[in-house]
Amino acid sequence: MTIGAVRTEPGGAGASGRGLVLPDAAGSGGSAVGAAYARYLADCCRRFLALEPLLPSPARPLQRRVAEIVAGALVADRKRMSACFASPAVSTPLQCSALLEQLPAFHTRIAAAVAAIAPHLLLEMALRGLLPEGESIVCAAWSDGPPHLASRALGGEVIAPEGTSALRFSPSHLTALHGGAELARLPLDHEAVGRALASGSHGFRLERCYWKVGGVTQLATVDHNPIAEFEEHPEKAGNHVDLGGRTATDWVRMLEDSFALVESFLPGEYAEMRTMLHEAVPVGYDDHRHLSASYREAVGTIYLTLHPSVMIMTEAVIHEFQHNKFNVAAYGTDFLINAFEPRYKSPVRPDLRPLWGIMLAVHAFLPVAELYRRMRDAEHPLAAHPDFERRMSEIDLKNHEGMEMLRAHAEFTPPGRQLFEDLESLEASHLGDRAARGLATTPTEIHLA
């Protein structure tokens, strides 16, 4: 399930809709997603450089100074500077900044997350050697102390010593200040910072909140999405960080098994995940159903409940990453003219959904159906389970129902038509497979009204 907090203004003509469904192999077809993600990071850069008017007056001088440094770094090394905006602690609050007035119930949370962007970004830049020699930037004016600085590269949150009222960033050090006095100093050299935090002798400490999952992403027990409690699904009440009574090791073990299936049977998808999927946030355990989520404003983040079935977990991983792909491609590109009104019965949810939501659903579930086929054809042991064929058939027919809804009602833009043709190609191969095996190729009920 993907969540779009507020309908945004339509984008421009944007790029092609080709290559956004399922790459054929590792390194094949990933260029479309890679290009869309590069455009998204560029959009984050632009939003940051234009952020000053949205900030309270006391925060504007700092924002102006950091923006000047960012602008210079973009000229000197655009690729590395853009990579700093991949941090969910930076990009997600930036995208949510557009919702400050549109979601009044979340105004305080969004404002707090936006206020923490500058120090998080400065840490990312310092760790990459992007702060100019001689620079010294002081971040202060927090009513409840400095923010914990999350770094996926360091594996956790950097926490300043008690009594810190300001943080000073320089190319070589992060310094904790109280008034004009220095409380602690942390070296930011790539190798020295890890040793310093491990020793605990520099005043700062590291609280672990990231665990690597294979070579593709990280489990994150911290979330910087200020609208994570915004929920459209009628059977959920937001997405709160929750290990569900299990350990991080339990989560990592299951996720590694799931990503191993993706790597083996959808290698192109796996390659795209390595490019763009930064963190999986745990939101509880449920041995009956799985309620995963993603947000348009939180590209690179997926929310997952833990389930004892590796197939259900793998479905959720693919499903939510597909939503991330669609969401990132939608920055600057329209796919549907009638995306949000009117609403129709969804093949996968109990509530009425706009065509945008139905297109998201088939875009997510067609690759899941492809995974099942490739595992069946390879005679994977899981394919021998009695429920395997039943579940694949259920997904096929729901996909066809959603595709029929789109064929009947969708008004596509040129990129949307290209994307839909790729979806139809994958659907046709699945229906052809069903027909060859003597199985039904239409649902028992198709809702076209």
Protein backbone atom coordinates (compact mmCIF):
# COMPACT_ATOMS: atom_id res chain seq x y z
CA MET A 1 0.00 0.00 0.00
CA THR A 2 1.29 3.42 -0.86
CA ILE A 3 0.07 6.55 0.83
CA GLY A 4 -0.06 9.96 -0.78
CA ALA A 5 -0.69 12.34 2.06
CA VAL A 6 -2.15 15.12 -0.06
CA ARG A 7 -2.79 15.28 -3.76
CA THR A 8 0.06 17.24 -5.25
CA GLU A 9 0.05 19.50 -8.26
CA PRO A 10 0.45 17.64 -11.56
CA GLY A 11 3.95 17.34 -12.91
CA GLY A 12 5.16 18.19 -16.35
CA ALA A 13 5.70 15.99 -19.36
CA GLY A 14 8.61 14.29 -17.60
CA ALA A 15 10.31 11.21 -18.94
CA SER A 16 9.23 8.03 -20.67
CA GLY A 17 7.06 5.50 -18.89
CA ARG A 18 9.12 2.61 -20.25
CA GLY A 19 11.22 0.37 -18.04
CA LEU A 20 9.37 1.09 -14.80
CA VAL A 21 7.68 -2.29 -14.31
CA LEU A 22 10.21 -5.11 -14.12
CA PRO A 23 13.75 -5.21 -15.54
CA ASP A 24 14.72 -8.40 -17.34
CA ALA A 25 18.01 -8.99 -15.53
CA ALA A 26 20.54 -7.38 -13.23
CA GLY A 27 21.78 -4.20 -14.84
CA SER A 28 19.04 -4.39 -17.49
CA GLY A 29 16.19 -1.90 -17.47
CA GLY A 30 17.38 -0.28 -14.27
CA SER A 31 18.30 2.90 -16.10
CA ALA A 32 14.68 4.14 -16.08
CA VAL A 33 14.42 3.84 -12.31
CA GLY A 34 17.93 5.20 -11.85
CA ALA A 35 17.10 8.22 -14.00
CA ALA A 36 13.85 8.80 -12.11
CA TYR A 37 15.69 8.60 -8.80
CA ALA A 38 18.31 11.08 -10.01
CA ARG A 39 15.49 13.50 -10.89
CA TYR A 40 14.00 12.97 -7.43
CA LEU A 41 17.32 13.79 -5.71
CA ALA A 42 17.60 16.88 -7.89
CA ASP A 43 14.11 17.86 -6.75
CA CYS A 44 15.24 17.43 -3.13
CA CYS A 45 18.20 19.74 -3.83
CA ARG A 46 15.90 22.38 -5.27
CA ARG A 47 13.50 22.11 -2.34
CA PHE A 48 16.33 22.58 0.14
CA LEU A 49 17.69 25.63 -1.65
CA ALA A 50 14.18 27.14 -1.58
CA LEU A 51 13.35 26.13 2.00
CA GLU A 52 14.14 29.41 3.78
CA PRO A 53 10.69 31.08 3.47
CA LEU A 54 9.05 28.08 5.16
CA LEU A 55 11.24 28.35 8.25
CA PRO A 56 10.70 30.54 11.33
CA SER A 57 12.79 33.72 11.31
CA PRO A 58 15.44 32.53 13.84
CA ALA A 59 16.26 29.51 11.64
CA ARG A 60 16.65 31.42 8.38
CA PRO A 61 20.26 32.67 8.73
CA LEU A 62 21.51 29.09 9.27
CA GLN A 63 19.44 27.84 6.35
CA ARG A 64 20.80 30.60 4.12
CA ARG A 65 24.38 29.74 5.01
CA VAL A 66 23.97 25.99 4.57
CA ALA A 67 22.18 26.57 1.25
CA GLU A 68 25.17 28.56 0.01
CA ILE A 69 27.53 25.71 0.95
CA VAL A 70 25.24 23.15 -0.72
CA ALA A 71 25.07 25.25 -3.89
CA GLY A 72 28.87 25.36 -4.01
CA ALA A 73 29.16 21.63 -3.40
CA LEU A 74 26.70 20.94 -6.22
CA VAL A 75 29.01 22.80 -8.59
CA ALA A 76 32.13 21.04 -7.29
CA ASP A 77 30.75 17.48 -7.04
CA ARG A 78 27.08 17.15 -7.98
CA LYS A 79 26.99 13.35 -7.65
CA ARG A 80 28.31 13.20 -4.09
CA MET A 81 26.30 16.22 -2.98
CA SER A 82 23.11 14.75 -4.43
CA ALA A 83 23.82 11.50 -2.57
CA CYS A 84 23.53 13.41 0.73
CA PHE A 85 19.86 13.99 -0.06
CA ALA A 86 19.30 10.22 -0.23
CA SER A 87 19.33 10.17 3.59
CA PRO A 88 15.71 9.63 4.75
CA ALA A 89 16.42 12.10 7.58
CA VAL A 90 16.92 14.75 4.89
CA SER A 91 14.77 13.83 1.89
CA THR A 92 11.56 12.79 3.67
CA PRO A 93 11.17 15.95 5.81
CA LEU A 94 12.03 18.00 2.70
CA GLN A 95 9.19 16.43 0.74
CA CYS A 96 6.86 16.79 3.73
CA SER A 97 7.68 20.50 3.97
CA ALA A 98 5.21 21.06 1.14
CA LEU A 99 2.47 19.74 3.46
CA LEU A 100 3.02 22.18 6.34
CA GLU A 101 -0.22 24.05 5.64
CA GLN A 102 -2.12 21.18 4.05
CA LEU A 103 -1.93 18.81 7.03
CA PRO A 104 -2.58 21.01 10.08
CA ALA A 105 -2.77 17.98 12.40
CA PHE A 106 0.84 17.18 11.51
CA HIS A 107 2.17 20.75 11.43
CA THR A 108 4.21 20.46 14.65
CA ARG A 109 5.81 17.16 13.62
CA ILE A 110 6.62 18.35 10.12
CA ALA A 111 8.09 21.61 11.43
CA ALA A 112 10.30 19.71 13.90
CA ALA A 113 11.53 17.33 11.19
CA VAL A 114 12.22 20.24 8.84
CA ALA A 115 14.19 22.04 11.58
CA ALA A 116 16.46 18.98 11.87
CA ILE A 117 17.26 18.82 8.15
CA ALA A 118 20.25 21.19 8.30
CA PRO A 119 22.24 19.30 10.97
CA HIS A 120 21.49 15.94 9.35
CA LEU A 121 22.57 17.27 5.97
CA LEU A 122 25.73 18.82 7.42
CA LEU A 123 26.68 15.46 8.94
CA GLU A 124 26.16 13.72 5.60
CA MET A 125 28.28 16.35 3.88
CA ALA A 126 31.04 16.21 6.51
CA LEU A 127 31.27 12.43 6.29
CA ARG A 128 31.70 12.77 2.52
CA GLY A 129 34.31 15.52 2.80
CA LEU A 130 32.04 18.12 1.22
CA LEU A 131 32.39 20.92 3.78
CA PRO A 132 34.92 23.52 2.55
CA GLU A 133 38.15 23.94 4.47
CA GLY A 134 37.87 26.63 7.11
CA GLU A 135 34.07 26.35 7.42
CA SER A 136 32.52 26.32 10.89
CA ILE A 137 28.74 26.16 11.06
CA VAL A 138 26.90 26.34 14.37
CA CYS A 139 23.41 24.87 14.68
CA ALA A 140 21.50 25.95 17.78
CA ALA A 141 18.15 27.24 19.09
CA TRP A 142 16.58 23.88 19.99
CA SER A 143 14.05 24.06 22.79
CA ASP A 144 14.54 20.43 23.80
CA GLY A 145 18.20 19.85 22.94
CA PRO A 146 19.96 18.97 19.69
CA PRO A 147 18.51 16.28 17.46
CA HIS A 148 19.95 12.79 17.44
CA LEU A 149 21.84 12.64 14.13
CA ALA A 150 20.95 9.47 12.25
CA SER A 151 23.56 8.07 9.90
CA ARG A 152 23.09 4.86 7.96
CA ALA A 153 26.81 4.87 7.22
CA LEU A 154 27.60 4.87 10.95
CA GLY A 155 24.84 2.40 11.79
CA GLY A 156 22.93 4.52 14.26
CA GLU A 157 22.23 7.88 15.84
CA VAL A 158 25.03 10.16 16.99
CA ILE A 159 23.95 11.58 20.36
CA ALA A 160 25.59 14.63 21.88
CA PRO A 161 26.46 14.74 25.60
CA GLU A 162 23.90 16.01 28.10
CA GLY A 163 23.80 19.78 28.37
CA THR A 164 24.62 20.40 24.71
CA SER A 165 22.89 23.55 23.46
CA ALA A 166 24.52 23.78 20.01
CA LEU A 167 26.45 21.72 17.48
CA ARG A 168 29.35 23.04 15.44
CA PHE A 169 30.19 21.35 12.14
CA SER A 170 33.59 21.71 10.51
CA PRO A 171 35.31 19.63 7.82
CA SER A 172 37.18 17.65 10.46
CA HIS A 173 35.03 17.63 13.62
CA LEU A 174 31.57 17.72 15.13
CA THR A 175 31.68 19.73 18.35
CA ALA A 176 29.13 19.87 21.18
CA LEU A 177 28.79 23.31 22.76
CA HIS A 178 27.15 24.74 25.85
CA GLY A 179 27.10 28.51 25.73
CA GLY A 180 30.55 29.27 24.36
CA ALA A 181 32.22 26.28 26.02
CA GLU A 182 33.20 23.09 24.22
CA LEU A 183 31.77 19.93 25.80
CA ALA A 184 32.97 17.29 23.35
CA ARG A 185 34.58 16.90 19.95
CA LEU A 186 34.07 14.03 17.53
CA PRO A 187 36.44 13.51 14.57
CA LEU A 188 34.55 13.12 11.28
CA ASP A 189 37.26 11.41 9.27
CA HIS A 190 35.73 8.32 7.61
CA GLU A 191 37.88 5.89 9.59
CA ALA A 192 38.38 7.85 12.82
CA VAL A 193 34.70 8.53 13.52
CA GLY A 194 33.82 4.86 13.92
CA ARG A 195 36.72 4.23 16.29
CA ALA A 196 35.90 7.35 18.30
CA LEU A 197 32.25 6.39 18.75
CA ALA A 198 33.18 2.80 19.61
CA SER A 199 35.63 3.93 22.28
CA GLY A 200 33.14 6.33 23.87
CA SER A 201 36.00 8.60 24.82
CA HIS A 202 34.95 11.67 22.82
CA GLY A 203 31.76 12.60 24.66
CA PHE A 204 29.42 11.62 21.83
CA ARG A 205 27.82 8.18 21.76
CA LEU A 206 26.28 6.04 19.03
CA GLU A 207 22.91 4.38 19.58
CA ARG A 208 22.47 1.57 17.10
CA CYS A 209 19.30 1.75 15.03
CA TYR A 210 20.38 0.33 11.65
CA TRP A 211 21.13 -3.28 10.79
CA LYS A 212 22.39 -4.27 7.35
CA VAL A 213 20.18 -6.64 5.40
CA GLY A 214 22.39 -8.46 2.95
CA GLY A 215 23.78 -6.08 0.39
CA VAL A 216 20.54 -4.32 -0.40
CA THR A 217 19.13 -2.25 2.49
CA GLN A 218 18.99 -1.74 6.26
CA LEU A 219 16.48 -2.47 8.98
CA ALA A 220 15.79 0.87 10.70
CA THR A 221 14.36 1.27 14.18
CA VAL A 222 14.24 5.04 13.78
CA ASP A 223 11.94 6.86 11.39
CA HIS A 224 12.19 10.47 10.20
CA ASN A 225 8.83 10.54 8.43
CA PRO A 226 6.72 13.14 10.30
CA ILE A 227 3.51 11.90 8.66
CA ALA A 228 4.01 8.20 9.41
CA GLU A 229 0.76 8.25 11.39
CA PHE A 230 -1.16 9.56 8.37
CA GLU A 231 -3.13 6.54 7.19
CA GLU A 232 -5.58 5.95 4.34
CA HIS A 233 -6.04 2.22 4.78
CA PRO A 234 -9.30 1.51 6.65
CA GLU A 235 -7.77 -1.44 8.53
CA LYS A 236 -4.70 0.37 9.91
CA ALA A 237 -3.90 3.17 12.35
CA GLY A 238 -0.61 4.57 11.12
CA ASN A 239 2.90 3.15 11.00
CA HIS A 240 4.84 3.24 14.25
CA VAL A 241 8.29 1.73 14.75
CA ASP A 242 7.65 -1.60 16.46
CA LEU A 243 9.68 -4.82 16.39
CA GLY A 244 6.54 -6.69 17.45
CA GLY A 245 8.21 -8.44 20.37
CA ARG A 246 10.91 -9.90 18.11
CA THR A 247 14.58 -9.02 18.00
CA ALA A 248 16.32 -7.08 15.27
CA THR A 249 18.15 -10.33 14.48
CA ASP A 250 14.81 -12.08 13.87
CA TRP A 251 13.80 -9.34 11.47
CA VAL A 252 17.11 -9.33 9.63
CA ARG A 253 17.06 -13.12 9.22
CA MET A 254 13.60 -13.10 7.65
CA LEU A 255 14.34 -10.09 5.45
CA GLU A 256 17.57 -11.64 4.19
CA ASP A 257 15.63 -14.75 3.18
CA SER A 258 13.11 -12.57 1.35
CA PHE A 259 15.72 -10.49 -0.46
CA ALA A 260 17.58 -13.68 -1.39
CA LEU A 261 14.47 -14.83 -3.29
CA VAL A 262 14.28 -11.47 -5.06
CA GLU A 263 17.97 -11.65 -5.98
CA SER A 264 17.63 -15.19 -7.34
CA PHE A 265 14.42 -14.82 -9.32
CA LEU A 266 14.05 -11.08 -10.02
CA PRO A 267 17.69 -9.97 -10.31
CA GLY A 268 16.83 -6.76 -12.17
CA GLU A 269 14.46 -5.76 -9.39
CA TYR A 270 17.16 -6.54 -6.84
CA ALA A 271 19.62 -4.29 -8.67
CA GLU A 272 17.09 -1.46 -8.56
CA MET A 273 16.62 -2.04 -4.82
CA ARG A 274 20.34 -1.63 -4.28
CA THR A 275 20.09 1.75 -6.00
CA MET A 276 17.10 3.19 -4.20
CA LEU A 277 15.87 1.14 -1.22
CA HIS A 278 17.55 2.56 1.89
CA GLU A 279 15.58 1.29 4.85
CA ALA A 280 12.86 -1.10 5.98
CA VAL A 281 11.01 0.18 9.04
CA PRO A 282 9.41 -2.50 11.28
CA VAL A 283 5.81 -1.81 12.28
CA GLY A 284 4.86 -4.88 14.30
CA TYR A 285 4.27 -8.62 14.00
CA ASP A 286 1.16 -10.40 12.73
CA ASP A 287 0.91 -14.10 11.96
CA HIS A 288 -2.46 -13.74 10.20
CA ARG A 289 -2.02 -10.92 7.72
CA HIS A 290 0.55 -8.48 6.46
CA LEU A 291 -0.07 -4.73 6.32
CA SER A 292 2.88 -3.04 4.68
CA ALA A 293 3.04 0.58 3.58
CA SER A 294 5.01 3.25 1.77
CA TYR A 295 4.65 7.00 1.36
CA ARG A 296 5.08 9.17 -1.70
CA GLU A 297 7.06 11.60 0.46
CA ALA A 298 9.38 8.87 1.80
CA VAL A 299 11.13 7.48 -1.27
CA GLY A 300 13.62 4.79 -0.26
CA THR A 301 11.65 3.70 2.82
CA ILE A 302 9.24 0.79 3.19
CA TYR A 303 7.17 -0.12 6.26
CA LEU A 304 6.74 -3.82 6.99
CA THR A 305 5.00 -6.03 9.51
CA LEU A 306 6.84 -9.26 10.28
CA HIS A 307 5.12 -12.47 9.21
CA PRO A 308 6.29 -16.08 9.65
CA SER A 309 5.85 -16.84 5.92
CA VAL A 310 8.84 -15.94 3.76
CA MET A 311 6.59 -15.77 0.69
CA ILE A 312 4.27 -13.24 2.32
CA MET A 313 7.26 -11.18 3.43
CA THR A 314 8.77 -11.34 -0.06
CA GLU A 315 5.48 -10.26 -1.60
CA ALA A 316 5.43 -7.26 0.75
CA VAL A 317 9.03 -6.29 -0.04
CA ILE A 318 8.40 -6.38 -3.80
CA HIS A 319 5.00 -4.70 -3.47
CA GLU A 320 6.27 -1.74 -1.46
CA PHE A 321 9.40 -1.31 -3.54
CA GLN A 322 7.25 -1.20 -6.67
CA HIS A 323 5.29 1.58 -5.00
CA ASN A 324 8.58 3.38 -4.36
CA LYS A 325 9.44 3.06 -8.06
CA PHE A 326 6.07 4.41 -9.14
CA ASN A 327 6.22 7.22 -6.59
CA VAL A 328 9.72 8.31 -7.61
CA ALA A 329 8.79 8.21 -11.29
CA ALA A 330 5.77 10.44 -10.56
CA TYR A 331 7.98 13.35 -9.53
CA GLY A 332 7.70 15.48 -12.65
CA THR A 333 5.75 12.92 -14.71
CA ASP A 334 1.98 12.46 -14.98
CA PHE A 335 0.68 9.00 -15.87
CA LEU A 336 -3.09 9.46 -15.60
CA ILE A 337 -5.30 12.41 -16.51
CA ASN A 338 -8.14 11.15 -14.28
CA ALA A 339 -5.82 9.86 -11.54
CA PHE A 340 -7.82 10.80 -8.44
CA GLU A 341 -11.48 11.12 -9.39
CA PRO A 342 -13.82 9.30 -9.64
CA ARG A 343 -13.25 6.25 -7.42
CA TYR A 344 -13.83 2.58 -8.21
CA LYS A 345 -13.86 -0.78 -6.48
CA SER A 346 -10.32 -2.01 -5.93
CA PRO A 347 -9.30 -5.63 -6.53
CA VAL A 348 -7.04 -5.58 -3.47
CA ARG A 349 -8.64 -3.21 -0.92
CA PRO A 350 -12.06 -2.98 0.71
CA ASP A 351 -12.48 0.76 0.10
CA LEU A 352 -13.15 2.59 -3.14
CA ARG A 353 -9.91 3.70 -4.80
CA PRO A 354 -8.94 6.27 -7.43
CA LEU A 355 -7.47 4.89 -10.64
CA TRP A 356 -4.05 6.02 -9.42
CA GLY A 357 -4.39 3.52 -6.56
CA ILE A 358 -5.55 0.74 -8.87
CA MET A 359 -2.62 1.36 -11.21
CA LEU A 360 -0.29 1.26 -8.21
CA ALA A 361 -1.81 -2.09 -7.23
CA VAL A 362 -1.29 -3.83 -10.57
CA HIS A 363 2.15 -2.26 -10.93
CA ALA A 364 3.01 -3.87 -7.58
CA PHE A 365 1.36 -7.26 -7.98
CA LEU A 366 2.29 -8.18 -11.57
CA PRO A 367 5.98 -8.53 -10.57
CA VAL A 368 4.85 -10.59 -7.56
CA ALA A 369 3.01 -12.94 -9.92
CA GLU A 370 6.15 -13.15 -12.04
CA LEU A 371 8.17 -14.16 -8.97
CA TYR A 372 5.77 -17.04 -8.32
CA ARG A 373 6.10 -18.28 -11.90
CA ARG A 374 9.87 -18.18 -11.90
CA MET A 375 10.00 -20.04 -8.61
CA ARG A 376 7.54 -22.64 -9.94
CA ASP A 377 9.47 -23.11 -13.17
CA ALA A 378 12.72 -23.52 -11.21
CA GLU A 379 11.01 -26.11 -8.96
CA HIS A 380 11.90 -24.18 -5.85
CA PRO A 381 10.94 -26.17 -2.70
CA LEU A 382 8.48 -23.47 -1.63
CA ALA A 383 6.57 -23.98 -4.88
CA ALA A 384 5.58 -27.46 -3.68
CA HIS A 385 3.52 -25.96 -0.84
CA PRO A 386 -0.24 -26.58 -1.36
CA ASP A 387 -1.03 -22.85 -1.10
CA PHE A 388 1.58 -21.77 -3.65
CA GLU A 389 -0.51 -22.36 -6.79
CA ARG A 390 -3.66 -21.07 -5.09
CA ARG A 391 -1.97 -17.80 -4.14
CA MET A 392 -0.46 -17.33 -7.60
CA SER A 393 -3.88 -17.85 -9.17
CA GLU A 394 -5.48 -15.38 -6.79
CA ILE A 395 -2.89 -12.74 -7.66
CA ASP A 396 -3.32 -13.37 -11.39
CA LEU A 397 -7.08 -12.86 -11.30
CA LYS A 398 -6.88 -9.78 -9.10
CA ASN A 399 -4.29 -8.32 -11.46
CA HIS A 400 -6.58 -8.98 -14.41
CA GLU A 401 -9.50 -7.37 -12.60
CA GLY A 402 -7.43 -4.24 -11.93
CA MET A 403 -6.15 -4.13 -15.51
CA GLU A 404 -9.70 -4.41 -16.85
CA MET A 405 -10.71 -1.50 -14.65
CA LEU A 406 -7.89 0.59 -16.11
CA ARG A 407 -8.68 -0.46 -19.67
CA ALA A 408 -12.27 0.62 -19.16
CA HIS A 409 -11.76 3.92 -17.37
CA ALA A 410 -8.20 5.23 -17.40
CA GLU A 411 -7.23 8.28 -19.44
CA PHE A 412 -3.48 7.92 -19.90
CA THR A 413 -0.88 10.54 -20.65
CA PRO A 414 1.77 9.44 -23.21
CA PRO A 415 4.15 8.21 -20.43
CA GLY A 416 1.18 6.54 -18.74
CA ARG A 417 0.29 4.74 -21.95
CA GLN A 418 3.87 3.49 -22.26
CA LEU A 419 3.84 2.25 -18.69
CA PHE A 420 0.49 0.56 -19.17
CA GLU A 421 1.72 -1.19 -22.31
CA ASP A 422 4.57 -2.68 -20.25
CA LEU A 423 2.02 -3.80 -17.66
CA GLU A 424 -0.16 -5.34 -20.38
CA SER A 425 2.81 -7.23 -21.80
CA LEU A 426 3.53 -8.85 -18.43
CA GLU A 427 -0.16 -9.53 -17.83
CA ALA A 428 -0.51 -11.17 -21.26
CA SER A 429 2.35 -13.58 -20.53
CA HIS A 430 0.68 -14.58 -17.25
CA LEU A 431 -2.74 -15.08 -18.84
CA GLY A 432 -1.10 -17.04 -21.66
CA ASP A 433 0.55 -19.28 -19.09
CA ARG A 434 -2.79 -19.85 -17.40
CA ALA A 435 -4.54 -20.65 -20.68
CA ALA A 436 -1.81 -23.14 -21.64
CA ARG A 437 -2.36 -24.90 -18.31
CA GLY A 438 -6.15 -24.99 -18.72
CA LEU A 439 -6.82 -22.43 -15.98
CA ALA A 440 -9.40 -19.66 -15.95
CA THR A 441 -8.18 -16.37 -17.34
CA THR A 442 -10.88 -14.08 -15.93
CA PRO A 443 -12.06 -13.42 -12.37
CA THR A 444 -15.46 -14.67 -11.31
CA GLU A 445 -16.55 -11.02 -11.04
CA ILE A 446 -15.08 -7.99 -12.83
CA HIS A 447 -16.22 -4.58 -11.60
CA LEU A 448 -16.42 -2.13 -14.47
CA ALA A 449 -19.28 0.06 -13.27
